[in-house]
Amino acid sequence: MKIPLLFIAALLLLDSCNEKEKCEDILLAVEHFECENSKHTLIVDLSNDYTIIRSKEQYDNMVSGSCHPEINFSNFDLVIGKQSSGNWNDTIIYDLRKTCPENELTLTIEIIQMDITIPDNVVYHAMIPKLGDEETLIININSH
């Protein structure tokens, strides 16, 4: 009777090891910030940097201009920043993931540029699920 129990325990141990190997990043939703052309309508005092806005008061103090949509800060935080580039901006793609096995929250911002060599200041913004009080966010910005 001991041999089958040991065999079952060994199988369970092997299966738990396989579960660790199957670890995959979790893709999380990023909400769209409702601004047509935010670099002209959204004014934020940043230069080649970003901030995480966690409250309506902070939002109202830091962001001005004709684009100032309502954000439910009990559900979302706003990541907002500016990035200078040598080319005109075409598209911005956001990718928010909880990495595995590190369990880190990472926001990757892909700035797709045109071939037009006109210096540009890109304003990026992503509404992400509300961060915990001690939760950190790693931000990676890629321009190409």
N, C-alpha and C. Protein backbone atom coordinates (compact mmCIF):
# COMPACT_ATOMS: atom_id res chain seq x y z
N MET A 1 0.82 -1.20 0.00
CA MET A 1 0.00 0.00 0.00
C MET A 1 0.86 1.26 0.00
N LYS A 2 2.06 1.18 0.62
CA LYS A 2 2.93 2.35 0.67
C LYS A 2 3.48 2.69 -0.70
N ILE A 3 3.74 1.70 -1.53
CA ILE A 3 4.31 1.97 -2.85
C ILE A 3 3.36 2.77 -3.73
N PRO A 4 2.06 2.41 -3.83
CA PRO A 4 1.16 3.24 -4.65
C PRO A 4 1.05 4.67 -4.12
N LEU A 5 1.05 4.86 -2.80
CA LEU A 5 0.97 6.21 -2.25
C LEU A 5 2.22 7.01 -2.61
N LEU A 6 3.38 6.39 -2.52
CA LEU A 6 4.61 7.06 -2.91
C LEU A 6 4.61 7.40 -4.39
N PHE A 7 4.08 6.50 -5.19
CA PHE A 7 3.99 6.71 -6.63
C PHE A 7 3.08 7.91 -6.93
N ILE A 8 1.94 7.97 -6.27
CA ILE A 8 0.99 9.08 -6.46
C ILE A 8 1.63 10.39 -5.99
N ALA A 9 2.32 10.37 -4.85
CA ALA A 9 2.98 11.58 -4.35
C ALA A 9 4.04 12.06 -5.34
N ALA A 10 4.79 11.13 -5.92
CA ALA A 10 5.82 11.49 -6.91
C ALA A 10 5.17 12.10 -8.15
N LEU A 11 4.06 11.54 -8.59
CA LEU A 11 3.35 12.11 -9.76
C LEU A 11 2.85 13.51 -9.47
N LEU A 12 2.30 13.72 -8.29
CA LEU A 12 1.82 15.05 -7.92
C LEU A 12 2.97 16.05 -7.86
N LEU A 13 4.12 15.63 -7.34
CA LEU A 13 5.28 16.50 -7.28
C LEU A 13 5.76 16.86 -8.68
N LEU A 14 5.81 15.89 -9.56
CA LEU A 14 6.21 16.16 -10.95
C LEU A 14 5.22 17.09 -11.63
N ASP A 15 3.93 16.90 -11.37
CA ASP A 15 2.91 17.75 -11.98
C ASP A 15 3.05 19.18 -11.48
N SER A 16 3.36 19.36 -10.18
CA SER A 16 3.52 20.72 -9.66
C SER A 16 4.75 21.38 -10.27
N CYS A 17 5.80 20.61 -10.54
CA CYS A 17 6.96 21.16 -11.23
C CYS A 17 6.59 21.60 -12.64
N ASN A 18 5.77 20.80 -13.33
CA ASN A 18 5.32 21.15 -14.68
C ASN A 18 4.47 22.41 -14.65
N GLU A 19 3.68 22.60 -13.60
CA GLU A 19 2.86 23.80 -13.49
C GLU A 19 3.74 25.04 -13.44
N LYS A 20 4.86 24.96 -12.73
CA LYS A 20 5.78 26.10 -12.65
C LYS A 20 6.37 26.40 -14.02
N GLU A 21 6.66 25.36 -14.80
CA GLU A 21 7.22 25.54 -16.13
C GLU A 21 6.20 26.13 -17.09
N LYS A 22 4.92 25.94 -16.82
CA LYS A 22 3.85 26.45 -17.68
C LYS A 22 3.50 27.90 -17.37
N CYS A 23 4.21 28.50 -16.45
CA CYS A 23 3.96 29.86 -16.03
C CYS A 23 4.00 30.81 -17.24
N GLU A 24 2.99 31.63 -17.39
CA GLU A 24 2.92 32.59 -18.50
C GLU A 24 2.53 33.96 -17.97
N ASP A 25 3.01 34.99 -18.64
CA ASP A 25 2.61 36.35 -18.30
C ASP A 25 1.10 36.49 -18.48
N ILE A 26 0.50 37.35 -17.67
CA ILE A 26 -0.94 37.62 -17.78
C ILE A 26 -1.11 38.98 -18.44
N LEU A 27 -1.79 39.00 -19.58
CA LEU A 27 -2.07 40.24 -20.30
C LEU A 27 -3.25 40.93 -19.63
N LEU A 28 -3.09 42.22 -19.30
CA LEU A 28 -4.15 42.99 -18.65
C LEU A 28 -4.65 44.08 -19.59
N ALA A 29 -5.88 44.48 -19.39
CA ALA A 29 -6.50 45.49 -20.26
C ALA A 29 -6.00 46.89 -19.91
N VAL A 30 -5.77 47.68 -20.95
CA VAL A 30 -5.44 49.10 -20.82
C VAL A 30 -6.60 49.85 -21.46
N GLU A 31 -7.19 50.76 -20.72
CA GLU A 31 -8.33 51.53 -21.24
C GLU A 31 -7.83 52.71 -22.08
N HIS A 32 -8.60 53.05 -23.09
CA HIS A 32 -8.25 54.16 -23.99
C HIS A 32 -8.58 55.49 -23.33
N PHE A 33 -7.68 56.42 -23.44
CA PHE A 33 -7.87 57.78 -22.94
C PHE A 33 -8.49 58.58 -24.07
N GLU A 34 -9.64 59.13 -23.86
CA GLU A 34 -10.45 59.72 -24.94
C GLU A 34 -9.98 61.10 -25.39
N CYS A 35 -8.88 61.15 -26.15
CA CYS A 35 -8.39 62.39 -26.73
C CYS A 35 -8.00 62.12 -28.18
N GLU A 36 -8.46 62.93 -29.09
CA GLU A 36 -8.13 62.76 -30.50
C GLU A 36 -6.64 62.98 -30.75
N ASN A 37 -6.15 64.16 -30.49
CA ASN A 37 -4.75 64.49 -30.73
C ASN A 37 -4.21 65.10 -29.44
N SER A 38 -3.85 64.24 -28.50
CA SER A 38 -3.57 64.69 -27.15
C SER A 38 -2.35 65.60 -27.02
N LYS A 39 -1.39 65.53 -27.91
CA LYS A 39 -0.21 66.39 -27.72
C LYS A 39 -0.55 67.86 -27.91
N HIS A 40 -1.66 68.16 -28.58
CA HIS A 40 -2.08 69.55 -28.77
C HIS A 40 -3.20 69.95 -27.81
N THR A 41 -3.93 68.98 -27.29
CA THR A 41 -5.07 69.30 -26.44
C THR A 41 -4.84 68.97 -24.98
N LEU A 42 -3.82 68.18 -24.69
CA LEU A 42 -3.54 67.73 -23.33
C LEU A 42 -2.23 68.36 -22.89
N ILE A 43 -2.27 69.10 -21.81
CA ILE A 43 -1.07 69.78 -21.34
C ILE A 43 -0.67 69.18 -20.00
N VAL A 44 0.52 68.64 -19.96
CA VAL A 44 1.07 68.06 -18.73
C VAL A 44 2.52 68.52 -18.64
N ASP A 45 2.94 68.89 -17.45
CA ASP A 45 4.27 69.44 -17.26
C ASP A 45 5.30 68.34 -17.02
N LEU A 46 5.66 67.64 -18.09
CA LEU A 46 6.67 66.59 -18.03
C LEU A 46 7.56 66.72 -19.25
N SER A 47 8.79 66.28 -19.14
CA SER A 47 9.70 66.28 -20.27
C SER A 47 10.50 64.98 -20.24
N ASN A 48 10.30 64.12 -21.25
CA ASN A 48 10.96 62.82 -21.32
C ASN A 48 10.84 62.06 -20.00
N ASP A 49 9.66 62.09 -19.44
CA ASP A 49 9.41 61.43 -18.17
C ASP A 49 7.94 61.05 -18.11
N TYR A 50 7.57 60.33 -17.07
CA TYR A 50 6.18 59.94 -16.88
C TYR A 50 5.82 60.06 -15.41
N THR A 51 4.53 60.00 -15.15
CA THR A 51 4.04 59.96 -13.79
C THR A 51 2.82 59.05 -13.75
N ILE A 52 2.51 58.59 -12.58
CA ILE A 52 1.29 57.81 -12.37
C ILE A 52 0.36 58.68 -11.54
N ILE A 53 -0.76 59.03 -12.13
CA ILE A 53 -1.75 59.86 -11.45
C ILE A 53 -2.78 58.93 -10.82
N ARG A 54 -2.98 59.09 -9.50
CA ARG A 54 -3.81 58.14 -8.75
C ARG A 54 -5.09 58.75 -8.19
N SER A 55 -5.30 60.07 -8.39
CA SER A 55 -6.50 60.70 -7.82
C SER A 55 -6.99 61.82 -8.74
N LYS A 56 -8.26 62.18 -8.57
CA LYS A 56 -8.85 63.27 -9.37
C LYS A 56 -8.16 64.60 -9.05
N GLU A 57 -7.82 64.82 -7.80
CA GLU A 57 -7.14 66.06 -7.41
C GLU A 57 -5.78 66.19 -8.11
N GLN A 58 -5.02 65.11 -8.10
CA GLN A 58 -3.72 65.11 -8.77
C GLN A 58 -3.90 65.32 -10.27
N TYR A 59 -4.90 64.67 -10.85
CA TYR A 59 -5.23 64.80 -12.28
C TYR A 59 -5.56 66.25 -12.62
N ASP A 60 -6.45 66.86 -11.85
CA ASP A 60 -6.86 68.24 -12.11
C ASP A 60 -5.69 69.22 -11.96
N ASN A 61 -4.77 68.94 -11.05
CA ASN A 61 -3.61 69.82 -10.83
C ASN A 61 -2.54 69.67 -11.91
N MET A 62 -2.38 68.47 -12.47
CA MET A 62 -1.28 68.21 -13.40
C MET A 62 -1.67 68.27 -14.86
N VAL A 63 -2.94 68.02 -15.17
CA VAL A 63 -3.37 67.92 -16.57
C VAL A 63 -4.36 69.04 -16.87
N SER A 64 -4.08 69.79 -17.93
CA SER A 64 -5.00 70.85 -18.35
C SER A 64 -5.12 70.80 -19.86
N GLY A 65 -5.91 71.67 -20.41
CA GLY A 65 -6.11 71.71 -21.85
C GLY A 65 -7.54 71.33 -22.20
N SER A 66 -7.82 71.30 -23.50
CA SER A 66 -9.19 71.04 -23.94
C SER A 66 -9.59 69.58 -23.80
N CYS A 67 -8.63 68.69 -23.64
CA CYS A 67 -8.93 67.28 -23.44
C CYS A 67 -8.72 66.94 -21.97
N HIS A 68 -9.82 66.76 -21.27
CA HIS A 68 -9.77 66.48 -19.83
C HIS A 68 -10.92 65.54 -19.47
N PRO A 69 -10.90 64.30 -20.02
CA PRO A 69 -12.03 63.40 -19.77
C PRO A 69 -12.12 62.97 -18.31
N GLU A 70 -13.32 62.57 -17.91
CA GLU A 70 -13.54 62.05 -16.56
C GLU A 70 -12.90 60.67 -16.45
N ILE A 71 -12.25 60.41 -15.32
CA ILE A 71 -11.64 59.12 -15.05
C ILE A 71 -12.11 58.66 -13.68
N ASN A 72 -12.52 57.41 -13.60
CA ASN A 72 -12.94 56.83 -12.33
C ASN A 72 -11.69 56.34 -11.60
N PHE A 73 -11.14 57.18 -10.72
CA PHE A 73 -9.89 56.86 -10.04
C PHE A 73 -10.06 55.81 -8.94
N SER A 74 -11.27 55.37 -8.67
CA SER A 74 -11.41 54.25 -7.75
C SER A 74 -11.15 52.93 -8.47
N ASN A 75 -11.24 52.94 -9.83
CA ASN A 75 -10.97 51.74 -10.62
C ASN A 75 -9.68 51.81 -11.43
N PHE A 76 -9.21 53.03 -11.72
CA PHE A 76 -8.07 53.20 -12.62
C PHE A 76 -7.03 54.16 -12.06
N ASP A 77 -5.79 53.99 -12.52
CA ASP A 77 -4.73 54.98 -12.38
C ASP A 77 -4.37 55.40 -13.79
N LEU A 78 -3.85 56.61 -13.94
CA LEU A 78 -3.49 57.13 -15.25
C LEU A 78 -1.97 57.25 -15.34
N VAL A 79 -1.38 56.53 -16.29
CA VAL A 79 0.05 56.67 -16.58
C VAL A 79 0.13 57.66 -17.72
N ILE A 80 0.88 58.75 -17.51
CA ILE A 80 0.95 59.78 -18.53
C ILE A 80 2.39 60.30 -18.60
N GLY A 81 2.84 60.56 -19.82
CA GLY A 81 4.19 61.06 -19.97
C GLY A 81 4.43 61.65 -21.35
N LYS A 82 5.61 62.22 -21.50
CA LYS A 82 6.05 62.77 -22.77
C LYS A 82 7.38 62.15 -23.14
N GLN A 83 7.59 61.98 -24.43
CA GLN A 83 8.84 61.44 -24.93
C GLN A 83 9.21 62.19 -26.19
N SER A 84 10.40 62.76 -26.23
CA SER A 84 10.89 63.42 -27.44
C SER A 84 11.38 62.38 -28.42
N SER A 85 11.21 62.67 -29.70
CA SER A 85 11.72 61.76 -30.72
C SER A 85 12.16 62.57 -31.93
N GLY A 86 13.00 61.97 -32.74
CA GLY A 86 13.51 62.64 -33.93
C GLY A 86 12.57 62.54 -35.11
N ASN A 87 11.60 61.65 -35.04
CA ASN A 87 10.65 61.47 -36.14
C ASN A 87 9.24 61.73 -35.67
N TRP A 88 8.38 62.00 -36.64
CA TRP A 88 6.98 62.24 -36.37
C TRP A 88 6.33 60.95 -35.88
N ASN A 89 5.47 61.06 -34.88
CA ASN A 89 4.79 59.92 -34.29
C ASN A 89 3.63 59.44 -35.17
N ASP A 90 3.48 58.12 -35.29
CA ASP A 90 2.38 57.54 -36.05
C ASP A 90 1.37 56.86 -35.13
N THR A 91 1.83 55.94 -34.29
CA THR A 91 0.94 55.12 -33.47
C THR A 91 1.60 54.83 -32.13
N ILE A 92 0.76 54.65 -31.11
CA ILE A 92 1.25 54.21 -29.81
C ILE A 92 0.49 52.94 -29.45
N ILE A 93 1.23 51.91 -29.05
CA ILE A 93 0.63 50.63 -28.65
C ILE A 93 1.02 50.37 -27.20
N TYR A 94 0.03 50.01 -26.38
CA TYR A 94 0.25 49.75 -24.96
C TYR A 94 0.11 48.25 -24.68
N ASP A 95 0.99 47.74 -23.85
CA ASP A 95 0.95 46.33 -23.46
C ASP A 95 1.20 46.26 -21.96
N LEU A 96 0.18 45.88 -21.20
CA LEU A 96 0.27 45.78 -19.74
C LEU A 96 0.23 44.32 -19.36
N ARG A 97 1.24 43.87 -18.61
CA ARG A 97 1.35 42.44 -18.23
C ARG A 97 1.78 42.31 -16.78
N LYS A 98 1.29 41.23 -16.18
CA LYS A 98 1.83 40.77 -14.91
C LYS A 98 2.77 39.64 -15.28
N THR A 99 4.08 39.84 -15.03
CA THR A 99 5.09 38.88 -15.46
C THR A 99 5.10 37.65 -14.56
N CYS A 100 5.57 36.57 -15.14
CA CYS A 100 5.63 35.31 -14.42
C CYS A 100 7.03 34.74 -14.57
N PRO A 101 7.65 34.28 -13.60
CA PRO A 101 7.21 34.06 -12.22
C PRO A 101 7.48 35.25 -11.29
N GLU A 102 8.03 36.36 -11.81
CA GLU A 102 8.40 37.49 -10.95
C GLU A 102 7.20 38.19 -10.32
N ASN A 103 6.04 38.09 -10.97
CA ASN A 103 4.81 38.73 -10.50
C ASN A 103 4.96 40.25 -10.46
N GLU A 104 5.65 40.81 -11.47
CA GLU A 104 5.82 42.26 -11.60
C GLU A 104 4.84 42.80 -12.64
N LEU A 105 4.36 43.99 -12.41
CA LEU A 105 3.47 44.65 -13.36
C LEU A 105 4.31 45.51 -14.28
N THR A 106 4.22 45.25 -15.61
CA THR A 106 5.04 45.95 -16.59
C THR A 106 4.16 46.55 -17.68
N LEU A 107 4.34 47.84 -17.95
CA LEU A 107 3.66 48.52 -19.05
C LEU A 107 4.71 48.83 -20.11
N THR A 108 4.53 48.25 -21.29
CA THR A 108 5.42 48.54 -22.41
C THR A 108 4.68 49.47 -23.36
N ILE A 109 5.34 50.56 -23.72
CA ILE A 109 4.77 51.56 -24.61
C ILE A 109 5.60 51.54 -25.89
N GLU A 110 4.96 51.12 -26.97
CA GLU A 110 5.62 51.07 -28.29
C GLU A 110 5.23 52.33 -29.05
N ILE A 111 6.20 53.18 -29.35
CA ILE A 111 5.94 54.39 -30.12
C ILE A 111 6.42 54.12 -31.54
N ILE A 112 5.46 53.98 -32.45
CA ILE A 112 5.76 53.70 -33.86
C ILE A 112 5.88 55.05 -34.56
N GLN A 113 7.03 55.27 -35.18
CA GLN A 113 7.28 56.57 -35.82
C GLN A 113 7.18 56.46 -37.33
N MET A 114 6.88 57.60 -37.95
CA MET A 114 6.87 57.70 -39.41
C MET A 114 8.29 57.92 -39.91
N ASP A 115 8.47 57.88 -41.19
CA ASP A 115 9.78 58.14 -41.78
C ASP A 115 10.08 59.64 -41.88
N ILE A 116 9.12 60.46 -41.53
CA ILE A 116 9.29 61.91 -41.61
C ILE A 116 10.18 62.37 -40.46
N THR A 117 11.32 62.96 -40.78
CA THR A 117 12.28 63.37 -39.75
C THR A 117 11.98 64.79 -39.27
N ILE A 118 10.89 64.90 -38.56
CA ILE A 118 10.50 66.15 -37.91
C ILE A 118 10.46 65.84 -36.42
N PRO A 119 11.23 66.54 -35.60
CA PRO A 119 11.20 66.28 -34.16
C PRO A 119 9.78 66.39 -33.61
N ASP A 120 9.48 65.51 -32.69
CA ASP A 120 8.12 65.42 -32.16
C ASP A 120 8.18 65.15 -30.67
N ASN A 121 7.22 65.66 -29.94
CA ASN A 121 7.03 65.31 -28.54
C ASN A 121 5.79 64.44 -28.45
N VAL A 122 5.98 63.20 -28.08
CA VAL A 122 4.87 62.25 -28.00
C VAL A 122 4.31 62.28 -26.59
N VAL A 123 2.99 62.46 -26.49
CA VAL A 123 2.30 62.36 -25.20
C VAL A 123 1.62 61.00 -25.19
N TYR A 124 1.97 60.16 -24.23
CA TYR A 124 1.33 58.85 -24.11
C TYR A 124 0.56 58.81 -22.80
N HIS A 125 -0.49 58.04 -22.81
CA HIS A 125 -1.35 57.95 -21.62
C HIS A 125 -2.12 56.65 -21.67
N ALA A 126 -2.15 55.98 -20.55
CA ALA A 126 -2.86 54.71 -20.45
C ALA A 126 -3.58 54.65 -19.10
N MET A 127 -4.85 54.30 -19.15
CA MET A 127 -5.59 54.07 -17.92
C MET A 127 -5.44 52.58 -17.60
N ILE A 128 -4.82 52.31 -16.46
CA ILE A 128 -4.55 50.93 -16.07
C ILE A 128 -5.37 50.59 -14.83
N PRO A 129 -5.61 49.29 -14.59
CA PRO A 129 -6.33 48.93 -13.36
C PRO A 129 -5.63 49.51 -12.14
N LYS A 130 -6.42 49.91 -11.17
CA LYS A 130 -5.91 50.57 -9.96
C LYS A 130 -4.78 49.76 -9.33
N LEU A 131 -3.66 50.43 -9.07
CA LEU A 131 -2.52 49.80 -8.42
C LEU A 131 -2.77 49.74 -6.91
N GLY A 132 -2.24 48.70 -6.28
CA GLY A 132 -2.29 48.63 -4.83
C GLY A 132 -1.36 49.66 -4.22
N ASP A 133 -1.51 49.94 -2.94
CA ASP A 133 -0.71 50.97 -2.28
C ASP A 133 0.79 50.70 -2.39
N GLU A 134 1.19 49.45 -2.30
CA GLU A 134 2.61 49.09 -2.35
C GLU A 134 3.03 48.53 -3.71
N GLU A 135 2.10 48.46 -4.66
CA GLU A 135 2.39 47.86 -5.96
C GLU A 135 3.16 48.83 -6.84
N THR A 136 4.19 48.32 -7.50
CA THR A 136 4.99 49.16 -8.39
C THR A 136 4.67 48.80 -9.84
N LEU A 137 5.03 49.70 -10.71
CA LEU A 137 4.82 49.52 -12.15
C LEU A 137 6.15 49.79 -12.85
N ILE A 138 6.57 48.84 -13.67
CA ILE A 138 7.77 49.02 -14.47
C ILE A 138 7.32 49.51 -15.84
N ILE A 139 7.95 50.58 -16.33
CA ILE A 139 7.57 51.14 -17.63
C ILE A 139 8.74 51.00 -18.58
N ASN A 140 8.45 50.42 -19.74
CA ASN A 140 9.44 50.30 -20.83
C ASN A 140 8.91 51.08 -22.02
N ILE A 141 9.73 51.97 -22.58
CA ILE A 141 9.34 52.74 -23.75
C ILE A 141 10.25 52.35 -24.91
N ASN A 142 9.64 51.92 -25.98
CA ASN A 142 10.38 51.54 -27.20
C ASN A 142 9.92 52.44 -28.33
N SER A 143 10.86 53.09 -29.00
CA SER A 143 10.55 53.93 -30.17
C SER A 143 11.19 53.30 -31.40
N HIS A 144 10.41 53.17 -32.43
CA HIS A 144 10.96 52.69 -33.71
C HIS A 144 10.05 53.08 -34.84
